[in-house]
PDB file of N, CA and C in Angstrom:
ATOM      1  N   MET A   1       9.326  -0.931  -5.482  1.00  0.00           N
ATOM      2  CA  MET A   1       8.531  -2.098  -5.733  1.00  0.00           C
ATOM      3  C   MET A   1       7.541  -2.354  -4.595  1.00  0.00           C
ATOM      4  N   LEU A   2       8.002  -2.099  -3.379  1.00  0.00           N
ATOM      5  CA  LEU A   2       7.130  -2.324  -2.228  1.00  0.00           C
ATOM      6  C   LEU A   2       5.956  -1.357  -2.238  1.00  0.00           C
ATOM      7  N   LEU A   3       6.215  -0.120  -2.611  1.00  0.00           N
ATOM      8  CA  LEU A   3       5.144   0.869  -2.705  1.00  0.00           C
ATOM      9  C   LEU A   3       4.165   0.511  -3.808  1.00  0.00           C
ATOM     10  N   THR A   4       4.673   0.047  -4.923  1.00  0.00           N
ATOM     11  CA  THR A   4       3.808  -0.368  -6.027  1.00  0.00           C
ATOM     12  C   THR A   4       2.884  -1.492  -5.595  1.00  0.00           C
ATOM     13  N   ALA A   5       3.408  -2.446  -4.861  1.00  0.00           N
ATOM     14  CA  ALA A   5       2.590  -3.556  -4.369  1.00  0.00           C
ATOM     15  C   ALA A   5       1.523  -3.045  -3.400  1.00  0.00           C
ATOM     16  N   ALA A   6       1.889  -2.096  -2.537  1.00  0.00           N
ATOM     17  CA  ALA A   6       0.926  -1.544  -1.586  1.00  0.00           C
ATOM     18  C   ALA A   6      -0.192  -0.808  -2.314  1.00  0.00           C
ATOM     19  N   LEU A   7       0.154  -0.024  -3.317  1.00  0.00           N
ATOM     20  CA  LEU A   7      -0.865   0.686  -4.082  1.00  0.00           C
ATOM     21  C   LEU A   7      -1.782  -0.273  -4.821  1.00  0.00           C
ATOM     22  N   LYS A   8      -1.235  -1.345  -5.337  1.00  0.00           N
ATOM     23  CA  LYS A   8      -2.050  -2.356  -6.019  1.00  0.00           C
ATOM     24  C   LYS A   8      -3.032  -3.001  -5.044  1.00  0.00           C
ATOM     25  N   CYS A   9      -2.585  -3.281  -3.836  1.00  0.00           N
ATOM     26  CA  CYS A   9      -3.465  -3.874  -2.824  1.00  0.00           C
ATOM     27  C   CYS A   9      -4.600  -2.916  -2.457  1.00  0.00           C
ATOM     28  N   ILE A  10      -4.285  -1.644  -2.377  1.00  0.00           N
ATOM     29  CA  ILE A  10      -5.327  -0.654  -2.076  1.00  0.00           C
ATOM     30  C   ILE A  10      -6.366  -0.606  -3.188  1.00  0.00           C
ATOM     31  N   THR A  11      -5.913  -0.623  -4.432  1.00  0.00           N
ATOM     32  CA  THR A  11      -6.875  -0.562  -5.536  1.00  0.00           C
ATOM     33  C   THR A  11      -7.724  -1.827  -5.621  1.00  0.00           C
ATOM     34  N   ILE A  12      -7.159  -2.967  -5.255  1.00  0.00           N
ATOM     35  CA  ILE A  12      -7.930  -4.212  -5.274  1.00  0.00           C
ATOM     36  C   ILE A  12      -9.059  -4.159  -4.240  1.00  0.00           C
ATOM     37  N   ARG A  13      -8.805  -3.572  -3.079  1.00  0.00           N
ATOM     38  CA  ARG A  13      -9.781  -3.517  -1.988  1.00  0.00           C
ATOM     39  C   ARG A  13     -10.554  -2.207  -1.915  1.00  0.00           C
ATOM     40  N   TRP A  14     -10.474  -1.386  -2.944  1.00  0.00           N
ATOM     41  CA  TRP A  14     -10.990  -0.026  -2.886  1.00  0.00           C
ATOM     42  C   TRP A  14     -12.462   0.039  -2.473  1.00  0.00           C
ATOM     43  N   LEU A  15     -13.336  -0.738  -3.058  1.00  0.00           N
ATOM     44  CA  LEU A  15     -14.768  -0.652  -2.777  1.00  0.00           C
ATOM     45  C   LEU A  15     -15.254  -1.701  -1.780  1.00  0.00           C
ATOM     46  N   LYS A  16     -14.369  -2.421  -1.170  1.00  0.00           N
ATOM     47  CA  LYS A  16     -14.745  -3.440  -0.200  1.00  0.00           C
ATOM     48  C   LYS A  16     -14.657  -2.859   1.210  1.00  0.00           C
ATOM     49  N   PRO A  17     -15.471  -3.350   2.126  1.00  0.00           N
ATOM     50  CA  PRO A  17     -15.461  -2.788   3.479  1.00  0.00           C
ATOM     51  C   PRO A  17     -14.191  -3.101   4.277  1.00  0.00           C
ATOM     52  N   GLU A  18     -13.528  -4.221   3.999  1.00  0.00           N
ATOM     53  CA  GLU A  18     -12.321  -4.557   4.755  1.00  0.00           C
ATOM     54  C   GLU A  18     -11.083  -4.006   4.053  1.00  0.00           C
ATOM     55  N   PRO A  19     -10.123  -3.529   4.823  1.00  0.00           N
ATOM     56  CA  PRO A  19      -8.898  -2.959   4.237  1.00  0.00           C
ATOM     57  C   PRO A  19      -7.946  -4.066   3.777  1.00  0.00           C
ATOM     58  N   PRO A  20      -6.941  -3.697   2.989  1.00  0.00           N
ATOM     59  CA  PRO A  20      -5.923  -4.685   2.602  1.00  0.00           C
ATOM     60  C   PRO A  20      -5.134  -5.136   3.831  1.00  0.00           C
ATOM     61  N   THR A  21      -4.712  -6.367   3.825  1.00  0.00           N
ATOM     62  CA  THR A  21      -3.948  -6.910   4.947  1.00  0.00           C
ATOM     63  C   THR A  21      -2.481  -7.039   4.558  1.00  0.00           C
ATOM     64  N   CYS A  22      -1.663  -7.248   5.557  1.00  0.00           N
ATOM     65  CA  CYS A  22      -0.230  -7.447   5.302  1.00  0.00           C
ATOM     66  C   CYS A  22       0.015  -8.702   4.476  1.00  0.00           C
ATOM     67  N   ASN A  23      -0.781  -9.730   4.701  1.00  0.00           N
ATOM     68  CA  ASN A  23      -0.610 -10.970   3.941  1.00  0.00           C
ATOM     69  C   ASN A  23      -0.886 -10.760   2.454  1.00  0.00           C
ATOM     70  N   ILE A  24      -1.899  -9.970   2.142  1.00  0.00           N
ATOM     71  CA  ILE A  24      -2.202  -9.666   0.739  1.00  0.00           C
ATOM     72  C   ILE A  24      -1.041  -8.885   0.130  1.00  0.00           C
ATOM     73  N   TRP A  25      -0.515  -7.935   0.887  1.00  0.00           N
ATOM     74  CA  TRP A  25       0.599  -7.121   0.401  1.00  0.00           C
ATOM     75  C   TRP A  25       1.837  -7.981   0.159  1.00  0.00           C
ATOM     76  N   ILE A  26       2.148  -8.857   1.093  1.00  0.00           N
ATOM     77  CA  ILE A  26       3.321  -9.726   0.944  1.00  0.00           C
ATOM     78  C   ILE A  26       3.153 -10.649  -0.260  1.00  0.00           C
ATOM     79  N   GLN A  27       1.949 -11.166  -0.469  1.00  0.00           N
ATOM     80  CA  GLN A  27       1.704 -12.016  -1.629  1.00  0.00           C
ATOM     81  C   GLN A  27       1.905 -11.235  -2.927  1.00  0.00           C
ATOM     82  N   LYS A  28       1.441  -9.993  -2.958  1.00  0.00           N
ATOM     83  CA  LYS A  28       1.611  -9.158  -4.145  1.00  0.00           C
ATOM     84  C   LYS A  28       3.093  -8.852  -4.388  1.00  0.00           C
ATOM     85  N   VAL A  29       3.852  -8.611  -3.316  1.00  0.00           N
ATOM     86  CA  VAL A  29       5.295  -8.373  -3.455  1.00  0.00           C
ATOM     87  C   VAL A  29       5.978  -9.625  -4.010  1.00  0.00           C
ATOM     88  N   TRP A  30       5.578 -10.803  -3.533  1.00  0.00           N
ATOM     89  CA  TRP A  30       6.159 -12.043  -4.051  1.00  0.00           C
ATOM     90  C   TRP A  30       5.834 -12.233  -5.527  1.00  0.00           C
ATOM     91  N   ASP A  31       4.621 -11.823  -5.941  1.00  0.00           N
ATOM     92  CA  ASP A  31       4.265 -11.908  -7.358  1.00  0.00           C
ATOM     93  C   ASP A  31       5.188 -11.023  -8.195  1.00  0.00           C
ATOM     94  N   ILE A  32       5.404  -9.791  -7.733  1.00  0.00           N
ATOM     95  CA  ILE A  32       6.291  -8.872  -8.435  1.00  0.00           C
ATOM     96  C   ILE A  32       7.718  -9.418  -8.433  1.00  0.00           C
ATOM     97  N   TYR A  33       8.152  -9.948  -7.289  1.00  0.00           N
ATOM     98  CA  TYR A  33       9.494 -10.526  -7.160  1.00  0.00           C
ATOM     99  C   TYR A  33       9.697 -11.645  -8.187  1.00  0.00           C
ATOM    100  N   SER A  34       8.733 -12.522  -8.298  1.00  0.00           N
ATOM    101  CA  SER A  34       8.846 -13.656  -9.224  1.00  0.00           C
ATOM    102  C   SER A  34       8.956 -13.188 -10.676  1.00  0.00           C
ATOM    103  N   MET A  35       8.118 -12.236 -11.042  1.00  0.00           N
ATOM    104  CA  MET A  35       8.151 -11.745 -12.417  1.00  0.00           C
ATOM    105  C   MET A  35       9.460 -11.008 -12.714  1.00  0.00           C
ATOM    106  N   GLU A  36       9.950 -10.232 -11.766  1.00  0.00           N
ATOM    107  CA  GLU A  36      11.214  -9.530 -11.966  1.00  0.00           C
ATOM    108  C   GLU A  36      12.377 -10.515 -12.026  1.00  0.00           C
ATOM    109  N   GLU A  37      12.326 -11.558 -11.220  1.00  0.00           N
ATOM    110  CA  GLU A  37      13.391 -12.560 -11.248  1.00  0.00           C
ATOM    111  C   GLU A  37      13.485 -13.208 -12.629  1.00  0.00           C
ATOM    112  N   ILE A  38      12.353 -13.540 -13.197  1.00  0.00           N
ATOM    113  CA  ILE A  38      12.332 -14.126 -14.540  1.00  0.00           C
ATOM    114  C   ILE A  38      12.876 -13.132 -15.567  1.00  0.00           C
ATOM    115  N   THR A  39      12.437 -11.885 -15.460  1.00  0.00           N
ATOM    116  CA  THR A  39      12.874 -10.858 -16.406  1.00  0.00           C
ATOM    117  C   THR A  39      14.382 -10.647 -16.350  1.00  0.00           C
ATOM    118  N   TYR A  40      14.922 -10.499 -15.147  1.00  0.00           N
ATOM    119  CA  TYR A  40      16.371 -10.287 -15.014  1.00  0.00           C
ATOM    120  C   TYR A  40      17.157 -11.521 -15.453  1.00  0.00           C
ATOM    121  N   PHE A  41      16.605 -12.709 -15.190  1.00  0.00           N
ATOM    122  CA  PHE A  41      17.275 -13.935 -15.612  1.00  0.00           C
ATOM    123  C   PHE A  41      17.355 -13.997 -17.134  1.00  0.00           C
ATOM    124  N   LEU A  42      16.255 -13.670 -17.801  1.00  0.00           N
ATOM    125  CA  LEU A  42      16.245 -13.703 -19.268  1.00  0.00           C
ATOM    126  C   LEU A  42      17.167 -12.646 -19.882  1.00  0.00           C
ATOM    127  N   ARG A  43      17.344 -11.551 -19.183  1.00  0.00           N
ATOM    128  CA  ARG A  43      18.238 -10.491 -19.668  1.00  0.00           C
ATOM    129  C   ARG A  43      19.682 -10.690 -19.210  1.00  0.00           C
ATOM    130  N   LEU A  44      19.938 -11.804 -18.540  1.00  0.00           N
ATOM    131  CA  LEU A  44      21.272 -12.146 -18.038  1.00  0.00           C
ATOM    132  C   LEU A  44      21.810 -11.083 -17.080  1.00  0.00           C
ATOM    133  N   GLN A  45      20.931 -10.573 -16.203  1.00  0.00           N
ATOM    134  CA  GLN A  45      21.307  -9.549 -15.236  1.00  0.00           C
ATOM    135  C   GLN A  45      20.964  -9.985 -13.815  1.00  0.00           C
ATOM    136  N   LYS A  46      21.199 -11.227 -13.500  1.00  0.00           N
ATOM    137  CA  LYS A  46      20.882 -11.747 -12.171  1.00  0.00           C
ATOM    138  C   LYS A  46      21.599 -10.985 -11.043  1.00  0.00           C
ATOM    139  N   PRO A  47      22.868 -10.566 -11.191  1.00  0.00           N
ATOM    140  CA  PRO A  47      23.507  -9.787 -10.115  1.00  0.00           C
ATOM    141  C   PRO A  47      22.797  -8.450  -9.847  1.00  0.00           C
ATOM    142  N   VAL A  48      22.301  -7.813 -10.893  1.00  0.00           N
ATOM    143  CA  VAL A  48      21.571  -6.552 -10.723  1.00  0.00           C
ATOM    144  C   VAL A  48      20.274  -6.815  -9.953  1.00  0.00           C
ATOM    145  N   PHE A  49      19.615  -7.898 -10.274  1.00  0.00           N
ATOM    146  CA  PHE A  49      18.398  -8.293  -9.567  1.00  0.00           C
ATOM    147  C   PHE A  49      18.680  -8.506  -8.081  1.00  0.00           C
ATOM    148  N   ASN A  50      19.752  -9.209  -7.769  1.00  0.00           N
ATOM    149  CA  ASN A  50      20.096  -9.472  -6.372  1.00  0.00           C
ATOM    150  C   ASN A  50      20.386  -8.187  -5.610  1.00  0.00           C
ATOM    151  N   ILE A  51      21.078  -7.258  -6.246  1.00  0.00           N
ATOM    152  CA  ILE A  51      21.369  -5.977  -5.596  1.00  0.00           C
ATOM    153  C   ILE A  51      20.084  -5.189  -5.371  1.00  0.00           C
ATOM    154  N   ARG A  52      19.212  -5.195  -6.349  1.00  0.00           N
ATOM    155  CA  ARG A  52      17.973  -4.410  -6.255  1.00  0.00           C
ATOM    156  C   ARG A  52      17.032  -4.940  -5.182  1.00  0.00           C
ATOM    157  N   TRP A  53      16.936  -6.242  -5.048  1.00  0.00           N
ATOM    158  CA  TRP A  53      15.984  -6.834  -4.114  1.00  0.00           C
ATOM    159  C   TRP A  53      16.580  -7.167  -2.755  1.00  0.00           C
ATOM    160  N   SER A  54      17.873  -7.056  -2.577  1.00  0.00           N
ATOM    161  CA  SER A  54      18.491  -7.418  -1.300  1.00  0.00           C
ATOM    162  C   SER A  54      17.962  -6.617  -0.107  1.00  0.00           C
ATOM    163  N   PRO A  55      17.624  -5.313  -0.225  1.00  0.00           N
ATOM    164  CA  PRO A  55      17.063  -4.607   0.935  1.00  0.00           C
ATOM    165  C   PRO A  55      15.687  -5.135   1.366  1.00  0.00           C
ATOM    166  N   ALA A  56      14.919  -5.666   0.438  1.00  0.00           N
ATOM    167  CA  ALA A  56      13.564  -6.123   0.748  1.00  0.00           C
ATOM    168  C   ALA A  56      13.519  -7.568   1.250  1.00  0.00           C
ATOM    169  N   MET A  57      14.544  -8.339   1.013  1.00  0.00           N
ATOM    170  CA  MET A  57      14.503  -9.755   1.357  1.00  0.00           C
ATOM    171  C   MET A  57      14.308 -10.029   2.852  1.00  0.00           C
ATOM    172  N   PRO A  58      14.954  -9.317   3.766  1.00  0.00           N
ATOM    173  CA  PRO A  58      14.687  -9.603   5.196  1.00  0.00           C
ATOM    174  C   PRO A  58      13.222  -9.379   5.568  1.00  0.00           C
ATOM    175  N   LEU A  59      12.584  -8.429   4.927  1.00  0.00           N
ATOM    176  CA  LEU A  59      11.176  -8.160   5.193  1.00  0.00           C
ATOM    177  C   LEU A  59      10.290  -9.307   4.708  1.00  0.00           C
ATOM    178  N   LEU A  60      10.627  -9.870   3.571  1.00  0.00           N
ATOM    179  CA  LEU A  60       9.789 -10.899   2.975  1.00  0.00           C
ATOM    180  C   LEU A  60      10.004 -12.279   3.559  1.00  0.00           C
ATOM    181  N   ILE A  61      11.157 -12.545   4.122  1.00  0.00           N
ATOM    182  CA  ILE A  61      11.481 -13.899   4.602  1.00  0.00           C
ATOM    183  C   ILE A  61      10.974 -14.145   6.019  1.00  0.00           C
ATOM    184  N   GLN A  62      10.409 -13.197   6.672  1.00  0.00           N
ATOM    185  CA  GLN A  62       9.945 -13.351   8.059  1.00  0.00           C
ATOM    186  C   GLN A  62       9.088 -14.540   8.254  1.00  0.00           C
TER     187      GLN A  62
END
């Protein structure tokens, strides 16, 4: 998921002179996190969601 967010940030800034920033990347990761949280909640798989995102949470909560 983190790589997907990074690639999305690169494509958003592709033709612009300034590169993607960490803040843009973190915002994109939070967007993905929110959508996945809703999806797992609707599928009644919240424990699977927590296991999947637990490695990334220390990075995002800084």
